[in-house]
Amino acid sequence: MIRILLQIVGGVCIVAVFFFGTLYYLNSSDATSRDATRVANVRLLKSALDRYRVAKGRYPAPFPDNPVEDLKPALVDGGLLKSLPADPSDRVMRYSVGGGTEGKRYALKVPLETGDCVTGIGFEQSGWYAPAPPCPF
């Protein structure tokens, strides 16, 4: 009787390990997928910002520390994007030109699953969004 009980408990444990292992794998796959979407969104925004700079001679300004949704008039209404890219889990990407109006440099603070990172033009050594590290992309 004890032997049968141990076999049943062992079987339940094996099923539980596979079940929770599958959940962990699916959750990490979702996180990787969300970050891949965010990276694609950042590349799209950076391309639109570069086209804006070519057309206007500067990046959109003044934006001391704003959500990227505030770029809609410059990028979407300006015909550089059809729409602003949406985050897959409603995290907010930030845009800054450091409060200046010159628009010669900018930073994007990107909310990744593993923590925030910063990308852009000329943001290095600026202290914008410190202590977030530079994005690896």
C-alpha atoms as a PDB file:
ATOM      1  CA  MET A   1       0.000   0.000   0.000  1.00  0.00           C
ATOM      2  CA  ILE A   2       2.796   2.422   0.867  1.00  0.00           C
ATOM      3  CA  ARG A   3       4.534   1.521  -2.373  1.00  0.00           C
ATOM      4  CA  ILE A   4       1.461   2.443  -4.422  1.00  0.00           C
ATOM      5  CA  LEU A   5       1.076   5.698  -2.495  1.00  0.00           C
ATOM      6  CA  LEU A   6       4.738   6.586  -3.164  1.00  0.00           C
ATOM      7  CA  GLN A   7       4.280   5.829  -6.866  1.00  0.00           C
ATOM      8  CA  ILE A   8       1.232   8.093  -7.023  1.00  0.00           C
ATOM      9  CA  VAL A   9       3.027  10.915  -5.183  1.00  0.00           C
ATOM     10  CA  GLY A  10       6.073  10.477  -7.428  1.00  0.00           C
ATOM     11  CA  GLY A  11       3.903  10.626 -10.543  1.00  0.00           C
ATOM     12  CA  VAL A  12       2.147  13.756  -9.318  1.00  0.00           C
ATOM     13  CA  CYS A  13       5.547  15.363  -8.598  1.00  0.00           C
ATOM     14  CA  ILE A  14       6.800  14.569 -12.097  1.00  0.00           C
ATOM     15  CA  VAL A  15       3.665  16.062 -13.667  1.00  0.00           C
ATOM     16  CA  ALA A  16       3.993  19.158 -11.444  1.00  0.00           C
ATOM     17  CA  VAL A  17       7.639  19.643 -12.461  1.00  0.00           C
ATOM     18  CA  PHE A  18       6.731  19.461 -16.149  1.00  0.00           C
ATOM     19  CA  PHE A  19       3.728  21.755 -15.653  1.00  0.00           C
ATOM     20  CA  PHE A  20       5.627  24.471 -13.776  1.00  0.00           C
ATOM     21  CA  GLY A  21       8.647  24.091 -16.045  1.00  0.00           C
ATOM     22  CA  THR A  22       6.416  24.693 -19.061  1.00  0.00           C
ATOM     23  CA  LEU A  23       4.892  27.756 -17.413  1.00  0.00           C
ATOM     24  CA  TYR A  24       8.355  29.150 -16.678  1.00  0.00           C
ATOM     25  CA  TYR A  25       9.472  28.545 -20.275  1.00  0.00           C
ATOM     26  CA  LEU A  26       6.354  30.156 -21.731  1.00  0.00           C
ATOM     27  CA  ASN A  27       6.723  33.179 -19.451  1.00  0.00           C
ATOM     28  CA  SER A  28      10.368  33.687 -20.428  1.00  0.00           C
ATOM     29  CA  SER A  29       9.420  33.280 -24.105  1.00  0.00           C
ATOM     30  CA  ASP A  30       6.788  35.980 -23.672  1.00  0.00           C
ATOM     31  CA  ALA A  31       9.348  38.312 -22.055  1.00  0.00           C
ATOM     32  CA  THR A  32      11.780  37.718 -24.921  1.00  0.00           C
ATOM     33  CA  SER A  33       9.023  38.396 -27.434  1.00  0.00           C
ATOM     34  CA  ARG A  34       7.978  41.620 -25.684  1.00  0.00           C
ATOM     35  CA  ASP A  35      11.586  42.851 -25.645  1.00  0.00           C
ATOM     36  CA  ALA A  36      11.991  41.974 -29.337  1.00  0.00           C
ATOM     37  CA  THR A  37       8.921  44.099 -30.065  1.00  0.00           C
ATOM     38  CA  ARG A  38      10.372  46.955 -27.999  1.00  0.00           C
ATOM     39  CA  VAL A  39      13.690  46.790 -29.876  1.00  0.00           C
ATOM     40  CA  ALA A  40      11.831  46.937 -33.205  1.00  0.00           C
ATOM     41  CA  ASN A  41       9.807  49.909 -31.887  1.00  0.00           C
ATOM     42  CA  VAL A  42      12.991  51.737 -30.844  1.00  0.00           C
ATOM     43  CA  ARG A  43      14.573  51.195 -34.256  1.00  0.00           C
ATOM     44  CA  LEU A  44      11.433  52.534 -35.929  1.00  0.00           C
ATOM     45  CA  LEU A  45      11.405  55.622 -33.684  1.00  0.00           C
ATOM     46  CA  LYS A  46      15.127  56.271 -34.168  1.00  0.00           C
ATOM     47  CA  SER A  47      14.693  56.090 -37.939  1.00  0.00           C
ATOM     48  CA  ALA A  48      11.784  58.552 -37.810  1.00  0.00           C
ATOM     49  CA  LEU A  49      13.768  60.873 -35.513  1.00  0.00           C
ATOM     50  CA  ASP A  50      16.706  60.792 -37.931  1.00  0.00           C
ATOM     51  CA  ARG A  51      14.396  61.660 -40.839  1.00  0.00           C
ATOM     52  CA  TYR A  52      12.943  64.493 -38.759  1.00  0.00           C
ATOM     53  CA  ARG A  53      16.458  65.845 -38.108  1.00  0.00           C
ATOM     54  CA  VAL A  54      17.303  65.702 -41.814  1.00  0.00           C
ATOM     55  CA  ALA A  55      14.108  67.611 -42.659  1.00  0.00           C
ATOM     56  CA  LYS A  56      14.193  70.166 -39.828  1.00  0.00           C
ATOM     57  CA  GLY A  57      17.886  70.364 -38.910  1.00  0.00           C
ATOM     58  CA  ARG A  58      17.269  69.259 -35.306  1.00  0.00           C
ATOM     59  CA  TYR A  59      15.481  66.654 -33.223  1.00  0.00           C
ATOM     60  CA  PRO A  60      12.013  67.451 -31.846  1.00  0.00           C
ATOM     61  CA  ALA A  61      12.365  69.862 -28.912  1.00  0.00           C
ATOM     62  CA  PRO A  62      11.821  71.040 -26.201  1.00  0.00           C
ATOM     63  CA  PHE A  63      11.163  67.779 -24.384  1.00  0.00           C
ATOM     64  CA  PRO A  64      12.882  67.632 -20.980  1.00  0.00           C
ATOM     65  CA  ASP A  65      11.512  64.153 -20.093  1.00  0.00           C
ATOM     66  CA  ASN A  66       8.340  63.156 -21.881  1.00  0.00           C
ATOM     67  CA  PRO A  67       6.552  59.970 -22.899  1.00  0.00           C
ATOM     68  CA  VAL A  68       7.145  59.185 -26.572  1.00  0.00           C
ATOM     69  CA  GLU A  69       3.427  59.763 -27.159  1.00  0.00           C
ATOM     70  CA  ASP A  70       4.276  63.470 -26.992  1.00  0.00           C
ATOM     71  CA  LEU A  71       6.229  63.012 -30.251  1.00  0.00           C
ATOM     72  CA  LYS A  72       3.009  62.277 -32.155  1.00  0.00           C
ATOM     73  CA  PRO A  73       2.631  65.819 -33.551  1.00  0.00           C
ATOM     74  CA  ALA A  74       6.219  65.820 -34.841  1.00  0.00           C
ATOM     75  CA  LEU A  75       6.425  62.265 -36.173  1.00  0.00           C
ATOM     76  CA  VAL A  76       2.892  61.118 -37.020  1.00  0.00           C
ATOM     77  CA  ASP A  77       1.279  64.436 -37.918  1.00  0.00           C
ATOM     78  CA  GLY A  78       4.537  65.323 -39.696  1.00  0.00           C
ATOM     79  CA  GLY A  79       4.119  62.280 -41.959  1.00  0.00           C
ATOM     80  CA  LEU A  80       7.194  60.374 -40.748  1.00  0.00           C
ATOM     81  CA  LEU A  81       5.224  57.531 -39.111  1.00  0.00           C
ATOM     82  CA  LYS A  82       1.705  56.205 -39.659  1.00  0.00           C
ATOM     83  CA  SER A  83       1.335  55.792 -35.895  1.00  0.00           C
ATOM     84  CA  LEU A  84       3.542  55.630 -32.843  1.00  0.00           C
ATOM     85  CA  PRO A  85       4.527  52.066 -31.995  1.00  0.00           C
ATOM     86  CA  ALA A  86       2.709  50.593 -28.994  1.00  0.00           C
ATOM     87  CA  ASP A  87       4.441  48.791 -26.152  1.00  0.00           C
ATOM     88  CA  PRO A  88       3.301  45.156 -25.828  1.00  0.00           C
ATOM     89  CA  SER A  89       2.571  45.539 -22.097  1.00  0.00           C
ATOM     90  CA  ASP A  90       1.802  49.259 -21.789  1.00  0.00           C
ATOM     91  CA  ARG A  91       5.188  50.282 -20.417  1.00  0.00           C
ATOM     92  CA  VAL A  92       6.124  53.878 -21.196  1.00  0.00           C
ATOM     93  CA  MET A  93       9.181  54.756 -23.259  1.00  0.00           C
ATOM     94  CA  ARG A  94      10.572  58.228 -22.474  1.00  0.00           C
ATOM     95  CA  TYR A  95      12.121  60.868 -24.776  1.00  0.00           C
ATOM     96  CA  SER A  96      14.385  63.722 -23.770  1.00  0.00           C
ATOM     97  CA  VAL A  97      16.487  66.431 -25.339  1.00  0.00           C
ATOM     98  CA  GLY A  98      17.668  67.413 -21.873  1.00  0.00           C
ATOM     99  CA  GLY A  99      15.359  70.371 -21.468  1.00  0.00           C
ATOM    100  CA  GLY A 100      17.227  72.387 -24.081  1.00  0.00           C
ATOM    101  CA  THR A 101      15.619  73.745 -27.195  1.00  0.00           C
ATOM    102  CA  GLU A 102      18.557  73.186 -29.536  1.00  0.00           C
ATOM    103  CA  GLY A 103      17.546  69.611 -30.439  1.00  0.00           C
ATOM    104  CA  LYS A 104      21.074  68.503 -31.327  1.00  0.00           C
ATOM    105  CA  ARG A 105      20.914  65.338 -29.230  1.00  0.00           C
ATOM    106  CA  TYR A 106      18.273  63.105 -27.708  1.00  0.00           C
ATOM    107  CA  ALA A 107      17.771  60.061 -25.518  1.00  0.00           C
ATOM    108  CA  LEU A 108      15.162  57.325 -25.431  1.00  0.00           C
ATOM    109  CA  LYS A 109      14.673  55.477 -22.136  1.00  0.00           C
ATOM    110  CA  VAL A 110      13.548  51.972 -23.080  1.00  0.00           C
ATOM    111  CA  PRO A 111      11.705  49.784 -20.519  1.00  0.00           C
ATOM    112  CA  LEU A 112      12.996  46.241 -21.100  1.00  0.00           C
ATOM    113  CA  GLU A 113      11.969  43.195 -19.075  1.00  0.00           C
ATOM    114  CA  THR A 114      15.441  43.040 -17.511  1.00  0.00           C
ATOM    115  CA  GLY A 115      15.515  46.759 -16.657  1.00  0.00           C
ATOM    116  CA  ASP A 116      15.593  50.118 -18.374  1.00  0.00           C
ATOM    117  CA  CYS A 117      18.295  51.135 -20.858  1.00  0.00           C
ATOM    118  CA  VAL A 118      19.035  54.323 -22.802  1.00  0.00           C
ATOM    119  CA  THR A 119      19.733  54.900 -26.491  1.00  0.00           C
ATOM    120  CA  GLY A 120      19.861  57.934 -28.755  1.00  0.00           C
ATOM    121  CA  ILE A 121      22.339  60.493 -30.071  1.00  0.00           C
ATOM    122  CA  GLY A 122      24.755  62.383 -27.816  1.00  0.00           C
ATOM    123  CA  PHE A 123      23.223  61.232 -24.529  1.00  0.00           C
ATOM    124  CA  GLU A 124      26.445  59.635 -23.306  1.00  0.00           C
ATOM    125  CA  GLN A 125      28.036  61.510 -20.393  1.00  0.00           C
ATOM    126  CA  SER A 126      24.902  63.670 -20.132  1.00  0.00           C
ATOM    127  CA  GLY A 127      23.499  61.983 -17.045  1.00  0.00           C
ATOM    128  CA  TRP A 128      20.097  61.688 -18.708  1.00  0.00           C
ATOM    129  CA  TYR A 129      18.193  58.761 -17.265  1.00  0.00           C
ATOM    130  CA  ALA A 130      21.121  57.718 -15.041  1.00  0.00           C
ATOM    131  CA  PRO A 131      21.791  55.074 -13.806  1.00  0.00           C
ATOM    132  CA  ALA A 132      20.183  53.195 -16.714  1.00  0.00           C
ATOM    133  CA  PRO A 133      22.905  51.672 -18.895  1.00  0.00           C
ATOM    134  CA  PRO A 134      23.197  52.191 -22.668  1.00  0.00           C
ATOM    135  CA  CYS A 135      21.005  49.812 -24.674  1.00  0.00           C
ATOM    136  CA  PRO A 136      22.855  46.924 -26.363  1.00  0.00           C
ATOM    137  CA  PHE A 137      21.140  47.628 -29.691  1.00  0.00           C
END
